[in-house]
N, C-alpha and C. Protein backbone atom coordinates (compact mmCIF):
# COMPACT_ATOMS: atom_id res chain seq x y z
N MET A 1 0.79 -1.15 -0.02
CA MET A 1 -0.02 -0.01 0.01
C MET A 1 0.85 1.27 0.03
N VAL A 2 1.89 1.25 0.77
CA VAL A 2 2.89 2.38 0.91
C VAL A 2 3.46 2.63 -0.50
N SER A 3 3.90 1.58 -1.16
CA SER A 3 4.58 1.68 -2.44
C SER A 3 3.56 2.20 -3.43
N LEU A 4 2.37 1.81 -3.42
CA LEU A 4 1.35 2.47 -4.32
C LEU A 4 1.15 3.97 -4.06
N PHE A 5 1.11 4.29 -2.81
CA PHE A 5 1.00 5.77 -2.51
C PHE A 5 2.21 6.52 -2.97
N ARG A 6 3.44 5.95 -2.80
CA ARG A 6 4.68 6.66 -3.21
C ARG A 6 4.59 6.86 -4.80
N GLN A 7 4.15 5.89 -5.50
CA GLN A 7 4.09 5.97 -7.00
C GLN A 7 3.10 7.02 -7.38
N PHE A 8 1.94 7.00 -6.66
CA PHE A 8 0.95 8.01 -7.00
C PHE A 8 1.37 9.44 -6.71
N SER A 9 2.03 9.61 -5.58
CA SER A 9 2.61 10.95 -5.11
C SER A 9 3.58 11.40 -6.05
N ALA A 10 4.54 10.56 -6.47
CA ALA A 10 5.55 11.02 -7.49
C ALA A 10 4.93 11.34 -8.74
N CYS A 11 4.03 10.60 -9.20
CA CYS A 11 3.33 10.91 -10.49
C CYS A 11 2.57 12.17 -10.35
N SER A 12 1.77 12.35 -9.31
CA SER A 12 1.09 13.61 -9.15
C SER A 12 1.95 14.84 -8.99
N CYS A 13 3.12 14.65 -8.35
CA CYS A 13 4.06 15.76 -8.25
C CYS A 13 4.68 16.10 -9.57
N GLY A 14 4.96 15.09 -10.46
CA GLY A 14 5.51 15.30 -11.72
C GLY A 14 4.52 15.98 -12.65
N ILE A 15 3.34 15.70 -12.54
CA ILE A 15 2.26 16.35 -13.35
C ILE A 15 2.01 17.79 -12.95
N LEU A 16 2.03 17.94 -11.58
CA LEU A 16 1.91 19.37 -11.16
C LEU A 16 3.01 20.24 -11.55
N LEU A 17 4.27 19.71 -11.48
CA LEU A 17 5.39 20.45 -11.97
C LEU A 17 5.33 20.71 -13.45
N ALA A 18 5.01 19.81 -14.21
CA ALA A 18 4.84 19.98 -15.69
C ALA A 18 3.78 21.07 -16.00
N ILE A 19 2.63 20.99 -15.31
CA ILE A 19 1.65 21.98 -15.60
C ILE A 19 2.04 23.36 -15.16
N SER A 20 2.66 23.52 -13.98
CA SER A 20 3.04 24.82 -13.56
C SER A 20 4.13 25.37 -14.40
N TYR A 21 5.07 24.49 -14.95
CA TYR A 21 6.11 25.04 -15.79
C TYR A 21 5.58 25.46 -17.11
N THR A 22 4.64 24.73 -17.69
CA THR A 22 3.93 25.14 -18.88
C THR A 22 3.11 26.43 -18.79
N GLN A 23 2.43 26.55 -17.60
CA GLN A 23 1.73 27.69 -17.38
C GLN A 23 2.60 28.88 -17.18
N ALA A 24 3.69 28.82 -16.46
CA ALA A 24 4.65 29.90 -16.25
C ALA A 24 5.24 30.38 -17.57
N ARG A 25 5.61 29.36 -18.40
CA ARG A 25 6.17 29.73 -19.75
C ARG A 25 5.19 30.41 -20.57
N ALA A 26 3.88 30.00 -20.57
CA ALA A 26 2.82 30.62 -21.38
C ALA A 26 2.58 32.03 -20.85
N GLU A 27 2.62 32.26 -19.51
CA GLU A 27 2.28 33.45 -18.97
C GLU A 27 3.44 34.54 -19.26
N SER A 28 4.70 33.91 -19.28
CA SER A 28 5.82 34.87 -19.60
C SER A 28 6.03 35.14 -21.12
N GLY A 29 5.23 34.36 -21.96
CA GLY A 29 5.33 34.66 -23.42
C GLY A 29 6.62 33.98 -24.01
N MET A 30 7.27 33.11 -23.30
CA MET A 30 8.54 32.54 -23.82
C MET A 30 8.27 31.71 -25.06
N ASP A 31 7.20 31.02 -25.16
CA ASP A 31 6.97 30.15 -26.33
C ASP A 31 6.01 30.77 -27.34
N ALA A 32 5.45 31.94 -26.96
CA ALA A 32 4.47 32.58 -27.84
C ALA A 32 5.18 33.18 -29.00
N PRO A 33 4.70 32.85 -30.20
CA PRO A 33 5.38 33.59 -31.40
C PRO A 33 5.00 35.03 -31.33
N LEU A 34 6.05 35.76 -31.78
CA LEU A 34 5.82 37.19 -31.81
C LEU A 34 5.31 37.53 -33.21
N ASN A 35 4.45 38.59 -33.33
CA ASN A 35 3.99 38.94 -34.63
C ASN A 35 5.15 39.69 -35.34
N THR A 36 5.09 39.81 -36.67
CA THR A 36 6.25 40.37 -37.38
C THR A 36 6.35 41.87 -37.17
N THR A 37 5.39 42.64 -36.78
CA THR A 37 5.60 44.04 -36.56
C THR A 37 6.39 44.21 -35.27
N SER A 38 6.09 43.43 -34.17
CA SER A 38 6.84 43.64 -32.99
C SER A 38 8.18 43.09 -33.01
N ARG A 39 8.49 42.19 -33.90
CA ARG A 39 9.81 41.45 -34.00
C ARG A 39 10.91 42.53 -34.14
N TRP A 40 10.68 43.55 -34.91
CA TRP A 40 11.72 44.49 -35.20
C TRP A 40 11.98 45.44 -33.95
N SER A 41 11.15 45.47 -32.98
CA SER A 41 11.28 46.37 -31.85
C SER A 41 12.26 45.76 -30.77
N HIS A 42 12.88 44.60 -30.98
CA HIS A 42 13.70 43.95 -29.99
C HIS A 42 15.06 43.55 -30.53
N ASP A 43 16.06 43.57 -29.68
CA ASP A 43 17.33 42.99 -30.10
C ASP A 43 17.26 41.49 -30.32
N GLU A 44 17.83 41.06 -31.38
CA GLU A 44 17.74 39.60 -31.77
C GLU A 44 19.06 38.90 -31.92
N VAL A 45 19.23 37.73 -31.41
CA VAL A 45 20.36 36.91 -31.60
C VAL A 45 19.95 35.64 -32.23
N ILE A 46 20.54 35.25 -33.37
CA ILE A 46 20.21 33.91 -34.05
C ILE A 46 21.50 33.12 -34.15
N ALA A 47 21.48 31.87 -33.81
CA ALA A 47 22.62 31.06 -33.91
C ALA A 47 22.20 29.72 -34.53
N TYR A 48 23.09 29.18 -35.35
CA TYR A 48 23.04 27.82 -35.92
C TYR A 48 24.40 27.18 -35.56
N VAL A 49 24.51 26.62 -34.35
CA VAL A 49 25.64 26.03 -33.93
C VAL A 49 25.89 24.62 -34.56
N PRO A 50 26.99 24.53 -35.42
CA PRO A 50 27.20 23.22 -36.07
C PRO A 50 27.37 22.09 -35.07
N ARG A 51 26.79 21.02 -35.42
CA ARG A 51 26.84 19.79 -34.50
C ARG A 51 28.26 19.28 -34.14
N GLN A 52 29.22 19.53 -35.00
CA GLN A 52 30.52 19.10 -34.70
C GLN A 52 31.16 19.94 -33.60
N LEU A 53 30.57 21.15 -33.27
CA LEU A 53 31.01 21.92 -32.25
C LEU A 53 30.41 21.68 -30.95
N ALA A 54 29.10 21.15 -31.02
CA ALA A 54 28.31 20.83 -29.72
C ALA A 54 27.54 19.62 -30.02
N GLU A 55 27.71 18.58 -29.32
CA GLU A 55 26.99 17.37 -29.42
C GLU A 55 25.67 17.34 -28.84
N THR A 56 25.44 18.25 -27.86
CA THR A 56 24.14 18.30 -27.13
C THR A 56 23.62 19.76 -27.13
N SER A 57 22.48 19.90 -26.87
CA SER A 57 21.69 21.21 -26.66
C SER A 57 22.38 22.08 -25.63
N PRO A 58 22.61 21.49 -24.40
CA PRO A 58 23.29 22.38 -23.31
C PRO A 58 24.61 22.92 -23.71
N VAL A 59 25.35 22.03 -24.42
CA VAL A 59 26.69 22.51 -24.84
C VAL A 59 26.56 23.60 -25.83
N ALA A 60 25.59 23.45 -26.77
CA ALA A 60 25.33 24.52 -27.75
C ALA A 60 25.00 25.83 -27.11
N LEU A 61 24.12 25.82 -26.06
CA LEU A 61 23.72 26.90 -25.29
C LEU A 61 24.88 27.65 -24.65
N ALA A 62 25.71 26.79 -24.00
CA ALA A 62 26.97 27.30 -23.36
C ALA A 62 27.86 27.99 -24.30
N LYS A 63 28.02 27.39 -25.50
CA LYS A 63 28.93 28.02 -26.57
C LYS A 63 28.34 29.37 -27.03
N ILE A 64 26.99 29.39 -27.20
CA ILE A 64 26.39 30.60 -27.61
C ILE A 64 26.58 31.71 -26.55
N ASN A 65 26.26 31.39 -25.31
CA ASN A 65 26.48 32.40 -24.21
C ASN A 65 27.77 32.85 -24.06
N ILE A 66 28.78 32.03 -24.17
CA ILE A 66 30.21 32.36 -23.98
C ILE A 66 30.62 33.35 -25.16
N ALA A 67 30.25 32.96 -26.32
CA ALA A 67 30.62 33.76 -27.61
C ALA A 67 29.95 35.14 -27.50
N VAL A 68 28.74 35.21 -27.17
CA VAL A 68 27.99 36.51 -27.06
C VAL A 68 28.60 37.32 -25.90
N TYR A 69 28.87 36.80 -24.80
CA TYR A 69 29.46 37.49 -23.69
C TYR A 69 30.84 38.03 -24.09
N ARG A 70 31.71 37.30 -24.70
CA ARG A 70 33.03 37.72 -25.10
C ARG A 70 32.91 38.74 -26.10
N ALA A 71 32.07 38.67 -27.15
CA ALA A 71 31.87 39.66 -28.17
C ALA A 71 31.42 41.02 -27.54
N LYS A 72 30.48 40.83 -26.62
CA LYS A 72 29.92 42.03 -25.94
C LYS A 72 30.98 42.79 -25.18
N GLN A 73 31.92 42.01 -24.50
CA GLN A 73 32.92 42.60 -23.67
C GLN A 73 34.02 43.30 -24.54
N LEU A 74 34.34 42.59 -25.61
CA LEU A 74 35.32 43.23 -26.53
C LEU A 74 34.76 44.54 -27.15
N THR A 75 33.45 44.50 -27.57
CA THR A 75 32.73 45.71 -28.12
C THR A 75 32.79 46.80 -27.09
N GLU A 76 32.47 46.52 -25.85
CA GLU A 76 32.42 47.57 -24.80
C GLU A 76 33.81 48.16 -24.65
N GLN A 77 34.90 47.27 -24.66
CA GLN A 77 36.23 47.93 -24.48
C GLN A 77 36.58 48.81 -25.66
N GLN A 78 36.17 48.41 -26.87
CA GLN A 78 36.57 49.15 -27.98
C GLN A 78 35.71 50.46 -28.22
N LEU A 79 34.38 50.37 -28.06
CA LEU A 79 33.45 51.48 -28.31
C LEU A 79 33.02 52.28 -27.10
N CYS A 80 33.07 51.66 -25.95
CA CYS A 80 32.45 52.34 -24.77
C CYS A 80 33.40 52.56 -23.63
N ALA A 81 34.65 52.63 -23.98
CA ALA A 81 35.69 52.86 -22.94
C ALA A 81 35.66 51.87 -21.81
N GLY A 82 35.16 50.61 -22.13
CA GLY A 82 35.17 49.48 -21.13
C GLY A 82 33.90 49.57 -20.21
N LYS A 83 32.94 50.58 -20.44
CA LYS A 83 31.77 50.60 -19.63
C LYS A 83 30.87 49.46 -20.06
N TRP A 84 30.23 48.88 -18.99
CA TRP A 84 29.23 47.70 -19.22
C TRP A 84 27.93 48.25 -19.75
N THR A 85 27.43 47.57 -20.77
CA THR A 85 26.08 47.92 -21.29
C THR A 85 25.11 46.84 -20.96
N PRO A 86 24.11 47.19 -20.32
CA PRO A 86 23.06 46.18 -19.97
C PRO A 86 22.48 45.49 -21.28
N ARG A 87 22.10 44.21 -21.08
CA ARG A 87 21.58 43.44 -22.29
C ARG A 87 20.11 43.51 -22.39
N GLY A 88 19.39 43.89 -21.44
CA GLY A 88 17.91 43.98 -21.58
C GLY A 88 17.21 42.71 -21.19
N THR A 89 15.95 42.74 -20.87
CA THR A 89 15.11 41.78 -20.43
C THR A 89 14.88 40.78 -21.55
N LEU A 90 15.03 39.46 -21.21
CA LEU A 90 14.77 38.34 -22.23
C LEU A 90 13.20 38.26 -22.33
N LEU A 91 12.80 38.43 -23.62
CA LEU A 91 11.38 38.33 -23.87
C LEU A 91 10.97 37.02 -24.52
N TYR A 92 11.88 36.41 -25.28
CA TYR A 92 11.57 35.14 -25.98
C TYR A 92 12.86 34.44 -26.20
N GLN A 93 12.85 33.09 -26.09
CA GLN A 93 13.92 32.29 -26.45
C GLN A 93 13.37 31.02 -27.11
N GLN A 94 14.02 30.58 -28.12
CA GLN A 94 13.72 29.33 -28.83
C GLN A 94 15.06 28.50 -28.93
N GLY A 95 14.99 27.29 -28.45
CA GLY A 95 16.15 26.49 -28.60
C GLY A 95 17.11 26.52 -27.51
N PRO A 96 18.30 25.99 -27.67
CA PRO A 96 18.70 25.34 -28.99
C PRO A 96 17.99 24.04 -29.21
N GLU A 97 17.53 23.91 -30.45
CA GLU A 97 16.86 22.66 -30.92
C GLU A 97 17.55 22.20 -32.23
N ALA A 98 17.51 20.86 -32.39
CA ALA A 98 18.13 20.25 -33.50
C ALA A 98 17.47 20.59 -34.81
N THR A 99 18.30 20.95 -35.86
CA THR A 99 17.79 21.25 -37.16
C THR A 99 18.43 20.39 -38.21
N ALA A 100 17.79 20.16 -39.26
CA ALA A 100 18.38 19.41 -40.37
C ALA A 100 19.38 20.23 -41.17
N PRO A 101 20.33 19.71 -41.90
CA PRO A 101 21.30 20.46 -42.65
C PRO A 101 20.51 21.49 -43.56
N ARG A 102 21.12 22.65 -43.74
CA ARG A 102 20.44 23.68 -44.55
C ARG A 102 21.12 23.78 -45.88
N SER A 103 20.36 23.94 -46.93
CA SER A 103 20.83 23.93 -48.31
C SER A 103 21.92 24.93 -48.59
N HIS A 104 21.90 26.11 -47.97
CA HIS A 104 22.89 27.16 -48.28
C HIS A 104 24.06 27.08 -47.37
N SER A 105 24.25 26.04 -46.70
CA SER A 105 25.29 25.83 -45.68
C SER A 105 26.37 24.85 -46.16
N SER A 106 27.55 25.15 -45.80
CA SER A 106 28.64 24.14 -46.06
C SER A 106 28.67 23.03 -45.02
N ASN A 107 27.80 23.21 -43.88
CA ASN A 107 27.75 22.20 -42.83
C ASN A 107 26.68 21.33 -43.18
N SER A 108 26.80 20.60 -44.31
CA SER A 108 25.73 19.74 -44.77
C SER A 108 25.67 18.35 -44.23
N ASN A 109 26.65 17.94 -43.49
CA ASN A 109 26.77 16.52 -42.99
C ASN A 109 25.95 16.21 -41.78
N ARG A 110 25.75 17.20 -40.85
CA ARG A 110 25.21 16.79 -39.60
C ARG A 110 24.08 17.80 -39.12
N GLY A 111 23.89 18.88 -39.74
CA GLY A 111 22.86 19.79 -39.25
C GLY A 111 23.46 20.70 -38.09
N SER A 112 22.56 21.31 -37.44
CA SER A 112 23.04 22.30 -36.41
C SER A 112 22.00 22.42 -35.21
N TRP A 113 22.39 23.21 -34.29
CA TRP A 113 21.39 23.59 -33.20
C TRP A 113 21.00 24.98 -33.49
N TYR A 114 19.66 25.16 -33.62
CA TYR A 114 19.05 26.52 -33.89
C TYR A 114 18.71 27.13 -32.48
N PHE A 115 19.06 28.49 -32.46
CA PHE A 115 18.73 29.22 -31.33
C PHE A 115 18.39 30.63 -31.56
N GLN A 116 17.36 31.18 -30.94
CA GLN A 116 16.95 32.53 -31.17
C GLN A 116 16.49 33.21 -29.95
N THR A 117 16.80 34.50 -29.73
CA THR A 117 16.37 35.22 -28.59
C THR A 117 15.90 36.62 -29.01
N PHE A 118 14.98 37.21 -28.28
CA PHE A 118 14.60 38.55 -28.41
C PHE A 118 14.68 39.16 -27.07
N ARG A 119 15.32 40.39 -26.99
CA ARG A 119 15.50 41.13 -25.78
C ARG A 119 15.02 42.55 -25.83
N ASN A 120 14.49 43.05 -24.81
CA ASN A 120 14.15 44.53 -24.82
C ASN A 120 15.49 45.37 -25.02
N PRO A 121 15.39 46.26 -25.83
CA PRO A 121 16.65 47.12 -26.11
C PRO A 121 16.89 47.96 -24.79
N GLU A 122 18.11 48.09 -24.45
CA GLU A 122 18.60 48.98 -23.37
C GLU A 122 19.35 50.15 -23.95
N THR A 123 19.36 51.29 -23.30
CA THR A 123 20.14 52.37 -23.64
C THR A 123 21.67 52.08 -23.64
N LEU A 124 22.30 52.31 -24.68
CA LEU A 124 23.79 52.15 -24.71
C LEU A 124 24.56 53.23 -23.84
N VAL A 125 25.67 52.82 -23.20
CA VAL A 125 26.34 53.78 -22.40
C VAL A 125 27.50 54.37 -23.19
N CYS A 126 27.63 53.94 -24.53
CA CYS A 126 28.66 54.37 -25.31
C CYS A 126 28.30 55.79 -25.89
N PRO A 127 29.18 56.75 -25.80
CA PRO A 127 28.97 58.05 -26.28
C PRO A 127 29.02 58.10 -27.76
N ASP A 128 27.96 58.73 -28.37
CA ASP A 128 27.87 58.88 -29.91
C ASP A 128 28.02 57.61 -30.63
N ILE A 129 27.46 56.51 -30.17
CA ILE A 129 27.45 55.20 -30.89
C ILE A 129 25.99 54.78 -31.09
N THR A 130 25.65 54.49 -32.25
CA THR A 130 24.28 54.01 -32.51
C THR A 130 24.13 52.54 -32.25
N ARG A 131 22.96 52.04 -32.13
CA ARG A 131 22.76 50.64 -31.96
C ARG A 131 23.33 49.78 -33.03
N ALA A 132 23.11 50.29 -34.28
CA ALA A 132 23.67 49.67 -35.47
C ALA A 132 25.16 49.48 -35.44
N GLU A 133 25.83 50.62 -35.05
CA GLU A 133 27.25 50.58 -34.99
C GLU A 133 27.76 49.58 -33.90
N TYR A 134 27.05 49.61 -32.75
CA TYR A 134 27.42 48.69 -31.70
C TYR A 134 27.22 47.24 -32.05
N PHE A 135 26.11 46.94 -32.74
CA PHE A 135 25.90 45.57 -33.13
C PHE A 135 26.77 45.13 -34.26
N LEU A 136 27.14 45.95 -35.13
CA LEU A 136 28.05 45.68 -36.25
C LEU A 136 29.39 45.34 -35.62
N GLU A 137 29.84 46.15 -34.72
CA GLU A 137 31.10 45.83 -34.11
C GLU A 137 31.10 44.53 -33.28
N MET A 138 30.00 44.28 -32.62
CA MET A 138 29.88 43.03 -31.86
C MET A 138 29.91 41.89 -32.80
N SER A 139 29.36 42.00 -33.95
CA SER A 139 29.32 40.84 -34.90
C SER A 139 30.68 40.51 -35.37
N ARG A 140 31.61 41.49 -35.33
CA ARG A 140 32.98 41.25 -35.77
C ARG A 140 33.65 40.20 -34.90
N HIS A 141 33.23 40.17 -33.61
CA HIS A 141 33.78 39.28 -32.61
C HIS A 141 33.13 37.97 -32.27
N LEU A 142 32.04 37.80 -33.08
CA LEU A 142 31.30 36.53 -32.94
C LEU A 142 31.63 35.50 -34.01
N PRO A 143 31.46 34.19 -33.64
CA PRO A 143 31.77 33.20 -34.65
C PRO A 143 30.76 33.27 -35.85
N GLU A 144 31.12 32.71 -36.96
CA GLU A 144 30.33 32.73 -38.12
C GLU A 144 28.90 32.24 -38.02
N TRP A 145 28.67 31.39 -36.99
CA TRP A 145 27.32 30.79 -36.82
C TRP A 145 26.41 31.63 -35.94
N ILE A 146 26.74 32.82 -35.65
CA ILE A 146 25.88 33.71 -34.86
C ILE A 146 25.72 34.99 -35.63
N SER A 147 24.51 35.45 -35.68
CA SER A 147 24.19 36.83 -36.26
C SER A 147 23.34 37.56 -35.28
N VAL A 148 23.43 38.98 -35.36
CA VAL A 148 22.72 39.84 -34.44
C VAL A 148 21.95 40.83 -35.17
N ARG A 149 20.85 41.30 -34.61
CA ARG A 149 20.12 42.41 -35.23
C ARG A 149 19.62 43.32 -34.13
N PRO A 150 20.02 44.64 -34.18
CA PRO A 150 19.47 45.52 -33.13
C PRO A 150 18.08 45.92 -33.40
N ALA A 151 17.42 46.35 -32.27
CA ALA A 151 16.01 46.78 -32.33
C ALA A 151 15.97 47.97 -33.34
N GLY A 152 14.82 47.97 -34.06
CA GLY A 152 14.50 49.10 -35.05
C GLY A 152 15.26 48.86 -36.30
N GLN A 153 15.93 47.76 -36.57
CA GLN A 153 16.70 47.57 -37.79
C GLN A 153 16.04 46.38 -38.52
N THR A 154 16.06 46.40 -39.84
CA THR A 154 15.67 45.11 -40.53
C THR A 154 16.96 44.51 -41.13
N THR A 155 18.09 45.11 -40.90
CA THR A 155 19.36 44.42 -41.27
C THR A 155 19.95 43.57 -40.09
N THR A 156 20.67 42.48 -40.57
CA THR A 156 21.34 41.72 -39.62
C THR A 156 22.79 41.83 -39.83
N PHE A 157 23.54 41.66 -38.76
CA PHE A 157 25.03 41.75 -38.77
C PHE A 157 25.65 40.36 -38.53
N ARG A 158 26.61 39.99 -39.32
CA ARG A 158 27.41 38.73 -39.14
C ARG A 158 28.76 38.95 -39.62
N LEU A 159 29.79 38.61 -38.79
CA LEU A 159 31.16 38.74 -39.13
C LEU A 159 31.52 40.11 -39.72
N GLY A 160 30.97 41.10 -39.07
CA GLY A 160 31.25 42.47 -39.52
C GLY A 160 30.67 42.93 -40.83
N GLN A 161 29.70 42.14 -41.36
CA GLN A 161 29.05 42.46 -42.58
C GLN A 161 27.60 42.72 -42.30
N VAL A 162 26.98 43.47 -43.22
CA VAL A 162 25.58 43.86 -43.21
C VAL A 162 24.79 43.05 -44.23
N PHE A 163 23.66 42.48 -43.73
CA PHE A 163 22.81 41.65 -44.60
C PHE A 163 21.41 42.33 -44.48
N THR A 164 20.79 42.50 -45.60
CA THR A 164 19.35 43.03 -45.62
C THR A 164 18.45 41.84 -45.45
N GLU A 165 17.18 42.21 -45.25
CA GLU A 165 16.23 41.20 -45.05
C GLU A 165 16.04 40.28 -46.32
N GLY A 166 16.07 39.02 -46.21
CA GLY A 166 15.95 38.16 -47.30
C GLY A 166 17.26 37.50 -47.77
N GLN A 167 18.34 38.18 -47.30
CA GLN A 167 19.68 37.52 -47.62
C GLN A 167 20.01 36.48 -46.57
N HIS A 168 20.82 35.55 -46.97
CA HIS A 168 21.21 34.51 -45.96
C HIS A 168 22.41 35.00 -45.16
N SER A 169 22.10 35.56 -44.00
CA SER A 169 23.18 36.11 -43.20
C SER A 169 23.90 34.98 -42.45
N LEU A 170 23.42 33.81 -42.41
CA LEU A 170 23.97 32.69 -41.66
C LEU A 170 24.47 31.64 -42.56
N ALA A 171 24.75 31.96 -43.80
CA ALA A 171 25.32 30.88 -44.69
C ALA A 171 26.77 30.75 -44.30
N ALA A 172 27.08 29.48 -43.98
CA ALA A 172 28.47 29.20 -43.54
C ALA A 172 29.39 29.23 -44.76
N ARG A 173 30.57 29.65 -44.46
CA ARG A 173 31.55 29.68 -45.51
C ARG A 173 32.11 28.41 -45.90
């Protein structure tokens, strides 16, 4: 009887946790798709981490976070006299999730981990630097599998280059 009660309690607890997690994510808007007009009002990071660099989703996420942090730090040293610039509140995150190989990518053998975030834009502490200049410089310090787009822009930056909407900014060399 005690064993049956333990199984029931564990199952009930697991269901309650799953329901509360799903409800919290829904209330926060984390999985809710953003409409296209509001998409441009947020800072965006998109990454396609090659599978040969990250075997699992958590490893891909760690590689993305380390690369973005490092690029942000180098950009702040170069443009902002080393002053820290806040990143803004996370509004939406998708992934990392496994994707099939992309036709315009040279990484055709294993696919990649897709990752995307939207953040509220924060005021830059860099004097006389626009968001576009900041993100362009930051893209110079990111690996080829990450692109960034500042709020209010339809252009994406990757490897210090500017891509307009519709171009493949993440085509691997």
